[in-house]
Amino acid sequence: IRVDVECTCRTEQCVENMLCFIHQPMEVLCRHQVSHIRSTLCTGSYLDVEKIARWFQKLVSSAWQQMPQSRLYAMKMLPSSRSCKLQLTNASGRSLFVEIMFGVQQGDSDVFLSSQATAAIFTPSTIWAETYDVAEAKFFRHTARQAPRDTFHLKCLQLCAHILVGTGFSTYTLKTIVMHLLNTIPPSSWRRREFLMRLHDIMWYLRSCLEEKRLDHFFFGNENMPEDIVLPADIQMAKPINLFKYLVDDPTAHAKALREFSVL
């Protein structure tokens, strides 16, 4: 995420008394302690996840005693290089764990760049992962609004996720399949009495994707998207991304996936 200094003097969204980094005298910027913000949060011109995490952790630690919750909980900052992890312990010894992730919204869309680590062994501190968590949550809320009260699509997802524990199939793969099916099968067909049928549909869809070595990303190039989900234009117009491309490139992985499915 590249950070550039822009003039805010004439912007329509300019807040009263906002400091302009370009036209404000340096002594004024220094007096308001903003002259080193870029070096505090960035490496070069790029937003640094680890620097932001350290800065935010210090901020929380210094502000905790001023918060009403400090009278009820003892707060311990847990080690984390890409987030803020807290352990809150009450007087009876019960602990609550909280993790705060950082994110940057892409324009006005429901797509964010997140501080969460990628699947890579090493993720540089200036690399932010693209996440569709907000868009996915909005899709499931959209489905819930249209569905009858006894709809069991989330129970289907949870049960299948439990079945696939210990296999090479990720929860994200399963969630993608369920979203595709929710987009084609009416919400009224996900009631309790159709529970077993929908479970069969999910497993059949997974088997078909494995045989074809193709599972399309739910949001890329999907023309059947609810209007309240806002996606960047390039994602709307993009060709679908194959989440199973690694099966095309690796026959051994494909054979293993088919074997694992046959055991289910």
C-alpha atoms as a PDB file:
ATOM      1  CA  ILE A   1       0.000   0.000   0.000  1.00  0.00           C
ATOM      2  CA  ARG A   2       1.781   3.116  -1.224  1.00  0.00           C
ATOM      3  CA  VAL A   3       1.402   6.221   0.921  1.00  0.00           C
ATOM      4  CA  ASP A   4       1.708   9.572  -0.850  1.00  0.00           C
ATOM      5  CA  VAL A   5       1.463  13.042   0.633  1.00  0.00           C
ATOM      6  CA  GLU A   6      -1.474  14.992  -0.811  1.00  0.00           C
ATOM      7  CA  CYS A   7      -2.754  18.520  -0.387  1.00  0.00           C
ATOM      8  CA  THR A   8      -5.894  18.615   1.770  1.00  0.00           C
ATOM      9  CA  CYS A   9      -6.386  22.389   1.699  1.00  0.00           C
ATOM     10  CA  ARG A  10      -9.186  22.400  -0.847  1.00  0.00           C
ATOM     11  CA  THR A  11     -10.681  18.953  -0.540  1.00  0.00           C
ATOM     12  CA  GLU A  12     -14.443  18.842  -0.076  1.00  0.00           C
ATOM     13  CA  GLN A  13     -13.977  16.397   2.788  1.00  0.00           C
ATOM     14  CA  CYS A  14     -11.526  18.656   4.599  1.00  0.00           C
ATOM     15  CA  VAL A  15     -12.224  18.624   8.331  1.00  0.00           C
ATOM     16  CA  GLU A  16     -11.948  21.871  10.276  1.00  0.00           C
ATOM     17  CA  ASN A  17      -8.377  22.485  11.502  1.00  0.00           C
ATOM     18  CA  MET A  18      -7.021  19.580   9.416  1.00  0.00           C
ATOM     19  CA  LEU A  19      -3.286  19.970   8.817  1.00  0.00           C
ATOM     20  CA  CYS A  20      -2.019  19.914   5.229  1.00  0.00           C
ATOM     21  CA  PHE A  21       1.254  17.989   4.966  1.00  0.00           C
ATOM     22  CA  ILE A  22       2.314  19.976   1.889  1.00  0.00           C
ATOM     23  CA  HIS A  23       1.379  23.584   2.608  1.00  0.00           C
ATOM     24  CA  GLN A  24       1.472  23.689   6.414  1.00  0.00           C
ATOM     25  CA  PRO A  25       4.700  25.179   7.873  1.00  0.00           C
ATOM     26  CA  MET A  26       7.027  22.493   9.239  1.00  0.00           C
ATOM     27  CA  GLU A  27       7.063  24.041  12.718  1.00  0.00           C
ATOM     28  CA  VAL A  28       3.270  23.670  12.890  1.00  0.00           C
ATOM     29  CA  LEU A  29       3.457  20.027  11.854  1.00  0.00           C
ATOM     30  CA  CYS A  30       6.147  19.364  14.446  1.00  0.00           C
ATOM     31  CA  ARG A  31       4.116  21.115  17.131  1.00  0.00           C
ATOM     32  CA  HIS A  32       1.213  18.763  16.433  1.00  0.00           C
ATOM     33  CA  GLN A  33       3.542  15.728  16.417  1.00  0.00           C
ATOM     34  CA  VAL A  34       2.628  14.651  12.894  1.00  0.00           C
ATOM     35  CA  SER A  35       5.948  15.182  11.153  1.00  0.00           C
ATOM     36  CA  HIS A  36       7.096  11.615  11.852  1.00  0.00           C
ATOM     37  CA  ILE A  37       3.843   9.760  11.158  1.00  0.00           C
ATOM     38  CA  ARG A  38       5.085   8.485   7.825  1.00  0.00           C
ATOM     39  CA  SER A  39       8.313   7.097   9.270  1.00  0.00           C
ATOM     40  CA  THR A  40       6.372   5.635  12.220  1.00  0.00           C
ATOM     41  CA  LEU A  41       3.862   3.725  10.079  1.00  0.00           C
ATOM     42  CA  CYS A  42       5.724   3.197   6.804  1.00  0.00           C
ATOM     43  CA  THR A  43       8.865   1.633   5.414  1.00  0.00           C
ATOM     44  CA  GLY A  44       9.900   3.916   2.611  1.00  0.00           C
ATOM     45  CA  SER A  45       6.665   4.882   0.876  1.00  0.00           C
ATOM     46  CA  TYR A  46       4.741   1.741   1.844  1.00  0.00           C
ATOM     47  CA  LEU A  47       2.476   1.070   4.802  1.00  0.00           C
ATOM     48  CA  ASP A  48       4.211  -1.352   7.162  1.00  0.00           C
ATOM     49  CA  VAL A  49       2.027  -3.894   8.997  1.00  0.00           C
ATOM     50  CA  GLU A  50       4.540  -4.577  11.751  1.00  0.00           C
ATOM     51  CA  LYS A  51       5.180  -0.886  12.447  1.00  0.00           C
ATOM     52  CA  ILE A  52       1.433  -0.260  12.652  1.00  0.00           C
ATOM     53  CA  ALA A  53       1.024  -3.218  15.033  1.00  0.00           C
ATOM     54  CA  ARG A  54       3.752  -1.920  17.362  1.00  0.00           C
ATOM     55  CA  TRP A  55       2.347   1.615  17.251  1.00  0.00           C
ATOM     56  CA  PHE A  56      -1.209   0.441  17.961  1.00  0.00           C
ATOM     57  CA  GLN A  57      -0.114  -1.904  20.757  1.00  0.00           C
ATOM     58  CA  LYS A  58       1.649   0.988  22.511  1.00  0.00           C
ATOM     59  CA  LEU A  59      -1.433   3.152  22.003  1.00  0.00           C
ATOM     60  CA  VAL A  60      -3.738   0.546  23.560  1.00  0.00           C
ATOM     61  CA  SER A  61      -1.361  -0.084  26.469  1.00  0.00           C
ATOM     62  CA  SER A  62      -1.123   3.607  27.308  1.00  0.00           C
ATOM     63  CA  ALA A  63      -4.874   4.209  26.956  1.00  0.00           C
ATOM     64  CA  TRP A  64      -6.110   1.110  28.795  1.00  0.00           C
ATOM     65  CA  GLN A  65      -6.041   2.603  32.297  1.00  0.00           C
ATOM     66  CA  GLN A  66      -8.293   5.438  31.136  1.00  0.00           C
ATOM     67  CA  MET A  67     -10.981   3.042  29.923  1.00  0.00           C
ATOM     68  CA  PRO A  68     -13.921   1.939  32.157  1.00  0.00           C
ATOM     69  CA  GLN A  69     -13.197  -1.721  31.320  1.00  0.00           C
ATOM     70  CA  SER A  70      -9.845  -1.484  33.127  1.00  0.00           C
ATOM     71  CA  ARG A  71     -11.738  -1.640  36.444  1.00  0.00           C
ATOM     72  CA  LEU A  72     -13.219  -4.998  35.486  1.00  0.00           C
ATOM     73  CA  TYR A  73     -10.392  -6.657  33.564  1.00  0.00           C
ATOM     74  CA  ALA A  74      -6.637  -6.979  33.845  1.00  0.00           C
ATOM     75  CA  MET A  75      -5.206  -6.504  30.362  1.00  0.00           C
ATOM     76  CA  LYS A  76      -2.168  -8.351  29.014  1.00  0.00           C
ATOM     77  CA  MET A  77      -0.728  -7.615  25.576  1.00  0.00           C
ATOM     78  CA  LEU A  78       0.120 -10.869  23.783  1.00  0.00           C
ATOM     79  CA  PRO A  79       2.951 -11.057  21.226  1.00  0.00           C
ATOM     80  CA  SER A  80       1.854 -10.502  17.618  1.00  0.00           C
ATOM     81  CA  SER A  81       3.710  -8.889  14.733  1.00  0.00           C
ATOM     82  CA  ARG A  82       0.696  -8.282  12.443  1.00  0.00           C
ATOM     83  CA  SER A  83      -2.209  -7.613  14.822  1.00  0.00           C
ATOM     84  CA  CYS A  84      -3.060  -6.521  18.359  1.00  0.00           C
ATOM     85  CA  LYS A  85      -3.805  -9.479  20.640  1.00  0.00           C
ATOM     86  CA  LEU A  86      -5.208  -8.881  24.108  1.00  0.00           C
ATOM     87  CA  GLN A  87      -5.895 -11.172  27.037  1.00  0.00           C
ATOM     88  CA  LEU A  88      -8.531  -9.710  29.354  1.00  0.00           C
ATOM     89  CA  THR A  89      -8.879 -11.455  32.727  1.00  0.00           C
ATOM     90  CA  ASN A  90     -11.663 -10.673  35.208  1.00  0.00           C
ATOM     91  CA  ALA A  91     -11.622 -10.993  38.999  1.00  0.00           C
ATOM     92  CA  SER A  92     -12.747 -14.638  38.884  1.00  0.00           C
ATOM     93  CA  GLY A  93      -9.820 -15.578  36.643  1.00  0.00           C
ATOM     94  CA  ARG A  94     -11.799 -16.074  33.447  1.00  0.00           C
ATOM     95  CA  SER A  95     -10.006 -14.795  30.370  1.00  0.00           C
ATOM     96  CA  LEU A  96     -11.280 -13.265  27.164  1.00  0.00           C
ATOM     97  CA  PHE A  97      -8.991 -13.179  24.137  1.00  0.00           C
ATOM     98  CA  VAL A  98      -9.332 -10.356  21.618  1.00  0.00           C
ATOM     99  CA  GLU A  99      -7.468  -9.941  18.333  1.00  0.00           C
ATOM    100  CA  ILE A 100      -7.665  -6.674  16.410  1.00  0.00           C
ATOM    101  CA  MET A 101      -6.706  -6.878  12.740  1.00  0.00           C
ATOM    102  CA  PHE A 102      -5.858  -3.861  10.611  1.00  0.00           C
ATOM    103  CA  GLY A 103      -7.321  -3.195   7.184  1.00  0.00           C
ATOM    104  CA  VAL A 104      -7.402  -0.669   4.373  1.00  0.00           C
ATOM    105  CA  GLN A 105     -10.572  -0.401   2.302  1.00  0.00           C
ATOM    106  CA  GLN A 106     -10.230  -0.408  -1.478  1.00  0.00           C
ATOM    107  CA  GLY A 107     -12.134   2.723  -2.439  1.00  0.00           C
ATOM    108  CA  ASP A 108     -15.771   2.441  -1.363  1.00  0.00           C
ATOM    109  CA  SER A 109     -15.897  -1.304  -1.993  1.00  0.00           C
ATOM    110  CA  ASP A 110     -16.344  -4.293   0.321  1.00  0.00           C
ATOM    111  CA  VAL A 111     -12.835  -5.516  -0.498  1.00  0.00           C
ATOM    112  CA  PHE A 112     -10.053  -4.782   1.990  1.00  0.00           C
ATOM    113  CA  LEU A 113      -6.313  -5.201   2.262  1.00  0.00           C
ATOM    114  CA  SER A 114      -5.743  -6.937   5.579  1.00  0.00           C
ATOM    115  CA  SER A 115      -2.832  -7.242   7.974  1.00  0.00           C
ATOM    116  CA  GLN A 116      -3.441 -10.974   8.390  1.00  0.00           C
ATOM    117  CA  ALA A 117      -0.564 -13.160   7.218  1.00  0.00           C
ATOM    118  CA  THR A 118      -0.713 -14.901   3.850  1.00  0.00           C
ATOM    119  CA  ALA A 119      -0.204 -18.617   3.271  1.00  0.00           C
ATOM    120  CA  ALA A 120       3.416 -17.956   2.307  1.00  0.00           C
ATOM    121  CA  ILE A 121       6.171 -19.099   4.659  1.00  0.00           C
ATOM    122  CA  PHE A 122       7.446 -15.526   4.938  1.00  0.00           C
ATOM    123  CA  THR A 123       5.310 -12.436   4.410  1.00  0.00           C
ATOM    124  CA  PRO A 124       7.181  -9.104   4.137  1.00  0.00           C
ATOM    125  CA  SER A 125       5.871  -6.425   6.484  1.00  0.00           C
ATOM    126  CA  THR A 126       4.846  -4.191   3.563  1.00  0.00           C
ATOM    127  CA  ILE A 127       2.660  -6.913   2.010  1.00  0.00           C
ATOM    128  CA  TRP A 128      -1.066  -6.780   2.799  1.00  0.00           C
ATOM    129  CA  ALA A 129      -3.386  -9.661   1.903  1.00  0.00           C
ATOM    130  CA  GLU A 130      -6.525  -8.978  -0.100  1.00  0.00           C
ATOM    131  CA  THR A 131      -9.556 -10.149   1.857  1.00  0.00           C
ATOM    132  CA  TYR A 132     -13.215 -10.573   0.949  1.00  0.00           C
ATOM    133  CA  ASP A 133     -14.407 -11.213   4.518  1.00  0.00           C
ATOM    134  CA  VAL A 134     -16.667  -8.143   4.556  1.00  0.00           C
ATOM    135  CA  ALA A 135     -18.190  -9.004   1.169  1.00  0.00           C
ATOM    136  CA  GLU A 136     -18.751 -12.598   2.319  1.00  0.00           C
ATOM    137  CA  ALA A 137     -20.431 -11.453   5.538  1.00  0.00           C
ATOM    138  CA  LYS A 138     -22.714  -9.144   3.552  1.00  0.00           C
ATOM    139  CA  PHE A 139     -23.589 -12.018   1.199  1.00  0.00           C
ATOM    140  CA  PHE A 140     -24.590 -14.288   4.080  1.00  0.00           C
ATOM    141  CA  ARG A 141     -26.629 -11.465   5.672  1.00  0.00           C
ATOM    142  CA  HIS A 142     -28.328 -10.889   2.307  1.00  0.00           C
ATOM    143  CA  THR A 143     -29.188 -14.601   2.153  1.00  0.00           C
ATOM    144  CA  ALA A 144     -30.476 -14.593   5.746  1.00  0.00           C
ATOM    145  CA  ARG A 145     -32.845 -11.697   4.987  1.00  0.00           C
ATOM    146  CA  GLN A 146     -34.394 -13.638   2.107  1.00  0.00           C
ATOM    147  CA  ALA A 147     -34.476 -17.022   3.805  1.00  0.00           C
ATOM    148  CA  PRO A 148     -37.224 -18.553   5.979  1.00  0.00           C
ATOM    149  CA  ARG A 149     -36.563 -18.794   9.711  1.00  0.00           C
ATOM    150  CA  ASP A 150     -35.818 -22.516   9.634  1.00  0.00           C
ATOM    151  CA  THR A 151     -33.108 -22.180   6.973  1.00  0.00           C
ATOM    152  CA  PHE A 152     -30.145 -24.445   7.678  1.00  0.00           C
ATOM    153  CA  HIS A 153     -27.491 -23.275   5.196  1.00  0.00           C
ATOM    154  CA  LEU A 154     -25.066 -22.296   7.972  1.00  0.00           C
ATOM    155  CA  LYS A 155     -25.602 -25.645   9.708  1.00  0.00           C
ATOM    156  CA  CYS A 156     -24.791 -27.350   6.406  1.00  0.00           C
ATOM    157  CA  LEU A 157     -21.585 -25.349   6.175  1.00  0.00           C
ATOM    158  CA  GLN A 158     -20.600 -26.179   9.766  1.00  0.00           C
ATOM    159  CA  LEU A 159     -21.312 -29.899   9.393  1.00  0.00           C
ATOM    160  CA  CYS A 160     -19.378 -30.198   6.130  1.00  0.00           C
ATOM    161  CA  ALA A 161     -16.471 -28.271   7.649  1.00  0.00           C
ATOM    162  CA  HIS A 162     -16.433 -30.800  10.496  1.00  0.00           C
ATOM    163  CA  ILE A 163     -16.486 -33.696   8.025  1.00  0.00           C
ATOM    164  CA  LEU A 164     -13.514 -32.264   6.121  1.00  0.00           C
ATOM    165  CA  VAL A 165     -11.323 -31.766   9.215  1.00  0.00           C
ATOM    166  CA  GLY A 166      -8.020 -33.577   8.714  1.00  0.00           C
ATOM    167  CA  THR A 167      -8.251 -33.523   4.923  1.00  0.00           C
ATOM    168  CA  GLY A 168      -6.561 -31.220   2.439  1.00  0.00           C
ATOM    169  CA  PHE A 169      -9.807 -29.345   1.788  1.00  0.00           C
ATOM    170  CA  SER A 170      -9.847 -25.905   3.393  1.00  0.00           C
ATOM    171  CA  THR A 171     -12.779 -24.208   5.060  1.00  0.00           C
ATOM    172  CA  TYR A 172     -12.478 -21.460   2.441  1.00  0.00           C
ATOM    173  CA  THR A 173     -12.998 -24.025  -0.338  1.00  0.00           C
ATOM    174  CA  LEU A 174     -16.140 -25.262   1.378  1.00  0.00           C
ATOM    175  CA  LYS A 175     -17.429 -21.733   2.016  1.00  0.00           C
ATOM    176  CA  THR A 176     -16.903 -20.878  -1.664  1.00  0.00           C
ATOM    177  CA  ILE A 177     -18.936 -23.911  -2.719  1.00  0.00           C
ATOM    178  CA  VAL A 178     -21.785 -23.046  -0.337  1.00  0.00           C
ATOM    179  CA  MET A 179     -21.875 -19.450  -1.619  1.00  0.00           C
ATOM    180  CA  HIS A 180     -22.076 -20.686  -5.217  1.00  0.00           C
ATOM    181  CA  LEU A 181     -24.966 -22.989  -4.281  1.00  0.00           C
ATOM    182  CA  LEU A 182     -26.765 -20.259  -2.331  1.00  0.00           C
ATOM    183  CA  ASN A 183     -26.562 -18.152  -5.469  1.00  0.00           C
ATOM    184  CA  THR A 184     -28.281 -20.840  -7.565  1.00  0.00           C
ATOM    185  CA  ILE A 185     -30.580 -22.701  -5.152  1.00  0.00           C
ATOM    186  CA  PRO A 186     -33.398 -20.519  -3.705  1.00  0.00           C
ATOM    187  CA  PRO A 187     -33.192 -19.800   0.053  1.00  0.00           C
ATOM    188  CA  SER A 188     -36.573 -21.502   0.506  1.00  0.00           C
ATOM    189  CA  SER A 189     -34.904 -24.782  -0.525  1.00  0.00           C
ATOM    190  CA  TRP A 190     -32.481 -24.686   2.408  1.00  0.00           C
ATOM    191  CA  ARG A 191     -35.054 -25.569   5.077  1.00  0.00           C
ATOM    192  CA  ARG A 192     -34.754 -28.294   7.690  1.00  0.00           C
ATOM    193  CA  ARG A 193     -36.602 -30.855   5.575  1.00  0.00           C
ATOM    194  CA  GLU A 194     -34.110 -30.384   2.704  1.00  0.00           C
ATOM    195  CA  PHE A 195     -31.071 -30.631   4.983  1.00  0.00           C
ATOM    196  CA  LEU A 196     -29.782 -33.965   3.662  1.00  0.00           C
ATOM    197  CA  MET A 197     -30.417 -32.939   0.060  1.00  0.00           C
ATOM    198  CA  ARG A 198     -28.343 -29.783   0.478  1.00  0.00           C
ATOM    199  CA  LEU A 199     -25.541 -31.747   2.144  1.00  0.00           C
ATOM    200  CA  HIS A 200     -25.565 -34.037  -0.878  1.00  0.00           C
ATOM    201  CA  ASP A 201     -25.459 -31.006  -3.197  1.00  0.00           C
ATOM    202  CA  ILE A 202     -22.418 -29.590  -1.403  1.00  0.00           C
ATOM    203  CA  MET A 203     -20.474 -32.839  -1.586  1.00  0.00           C
ATOM    204  CA  TRP A 204     -21.520 -33.410  -5.204  1.00  0.00           C
ATOM    205  CA  TYR A 205     -20.365 -29.899  -6.114  1.00  0.00           C
ATOM    206  CA  LEU A 206     -17.004 -30.549  -4.457  1.00  0.00           C
ATOM    207  CA  ARG A 207     -16.595 -33.834  -6.319  1.00  0.00           C
ATOM    208  CA  SER A 208     -17.441 -32.190  -9.661  1.00  0.00           C
ATOM    209  CA  CYS A 209     -14.913 -29.414  -9.012  1.00  0.00           C
ATOM    210  CA  LEU A 210     -12.239 -31.973  -8.165  1.00  0.00           C
ATOM    211  CA  GLU A 211     -12.917 -33.975 -11.304  1.00  0.00           C
ATOM    212  CA  GLU A 212     -12.834 -30.837 -13.456  1.00  0.00           C
ATOM    213  CA  LYS A 213      -9.917 -29.385 -11.450  1.00  0.00           C
ATOM    214  CA  ARG A 214     -11.763 -26.083 -11.313  1.00  0.00           C
ATOM    215  CA  LEU A 215     -13.450 -24.057  -8.563  1.00  0.00           C
ATOM    216  CA  ASP A 216     -14.184 -20.433  -9.448  1.00  0.00           C
ATOM    217  CA  HIS A 217     -13.537 -17.684  -6.922  1.00  0.00           C
ATOM    218  CA  PHE A 218     -16.981 -16.492  -5.846  1.00  0.00           C
ATOM    219  CA  PHE A 219     -16.495 -12.769  -6.433  1.00  0.00           C
ATOM    220  CA  PHE A 220     -14.294 -12.525  -9.544  1.00  0.00           C
ATOM    221  CA  GLY A 221     -16.389 -12.106 -12.675  1.00  0.00           C
ATOM    222  CA  ASN A 222     -19.582 -13.270 -10.936  1.00  0.00           C
ATOM    223  CA  GLU A 223     -22.466 -11.576 -12.743  1.00  0.00           C
ATOM    224  CA  ASN A 224     -25.072 -12.888 -10.294  1.00  0.00           C
ATOM    225  CA  MET A 225     -24.075 -10.740  -7.327  1.00  0.00           C
ATOM    226  CA  PRO A 226     -26.504  -8.996  -4.910  1.00  0.00           C
ATOM    227  CA  GLU A 227     -26.622  -5.247  -5.516  1.00  0.00           C
ATOM    228  CA  ASP A 228     -25.701  -4.341  -1.937  1.00  0.00           C
ATOM    229  CA  ILE A 229     -22.274  -5.983  -2.305  1.00  0.00           C
ATOM    230  CA  VAL A 230     -19.870  -3.387  -3.695  1.00  0.00           C
ATOM    231  CA  LEU A 231     -16.889  -4.693  -5.662  1.00  0.00           C
ATOM    232  CA  PRO A 232     -14.170  -2.804  -7.553  1.00  0.00           C
ATOM    233  CA  ALA A 233     -14.837  -2.607 -11.293  1.00  0.00           C
ATOM    234  CA  ASP A 234     -11.757  -4.659 -12.180  1.00  0.00           C
ATOM    235  CA  ILE A 235     -13.000  -7.549 -10.019  1.00  0.00           C
ATOM    236  CA  GLN A 236     -16.498  -7.380 -11.488  1.00  0.00           C
ATOM    237  CA  MET A 237     -15.123  -7.464 -15.047  1.00  0.00           C
ATOM    238  CA  ALA A 238     -12.336  -9.977 -14.399  1.00  0.00           C
ATOM    239  CA  LYS A 239     -12.315 -13.529 -15.649  1.00  0.00           C
ATOM    240  CA  PRO A 240     -13.109 -16.046 -12.886  1.00  0.00           C
ATOM    241  CA  ILE A 241     -10.042 -17.186 -10.944  1.00  0.00           C
ATOM    242  CA  ASN A 242      -9.625 -20.943 -10.595  1.00  0.00           C
ATOM    243  CA  LEU A 243      -8.947 -21.770  -6.934  1.00  0.00           C
ATOM    244  CA  PHE A 244      -8.074 -25.339  -7.976  1.00  0.00           C
ATOM    245  CA  LYS A 245      -5.399 -24.347 -10.491  1.00  0.00           C
ATOM    246  CA  TYR A 246      -2.803 -26.060  -8.331  1.00  0.00           C
ATOM    247  CA  LEU A 247      -4.566 -29.354  -9.128  1.00  0.00           C
ATOM    248  CA  VAL A 248      -4.072 -28.664 -12.834  1.00  0.00           C
ATOM    249  CA  ASP A 249      -0.375 -27.991 -12.295  1.00  0.00           C
ATOM    250  CA  ASP A 250       0.248 -30.867  -9.884  1.00  0.00           C
ATOM    251  CA  PRO A 251      -1.139 -34.310 -10.900  1.00  0.00           C
ATOM    252  CA  THR A 252       0.075 -35.790  -7.606  1.00  0.00           C
ATOM    253  CA  ALA A 253      -1.943 -33.268  -5.597  1.00  0.00           C
ATOM    254  CA  HIS A 254      -4.980 -33.960  -7.796  1.00  0.00           C
ATOM    255  CA  ALA A 255      -4.723 -37.710  -7.245  1.00  0.00           C
ATOM    256  CA  LYS A 256      -4.371 -37.164  -3.486  1.00  0.00           C
ATOM    257  CA  ALA A 257      -7.434 -34.889  -3.404  1.00  0.00           C
ATOM    258  CA  LEU A 258      -9.519 -37.493  -5.241  1.00  0.00           C
ATOM    259  CA  ARG A 259      -8.377 -40.198  -2.807  1.00  0.00           C
ATOM    260  CA  GLU A 260      -9.242 -38.031   0.193  1.00  0.00           C
ATOM    261  CA  PHE A 261     -12.693 -37.326  -1.205  1.00  0.00           C
ATOM    262  CA  SER A 262     -13.367 -41.021  -1.881  1.00  0.00           C
ATOM    263  CA  VAL A 263     -12.766 -41.752   1.821  1.00  0.00           C
ATOM    264  CA  LEU A 264     -15.405 -39.243   2.950  1.00  0.00           C
END
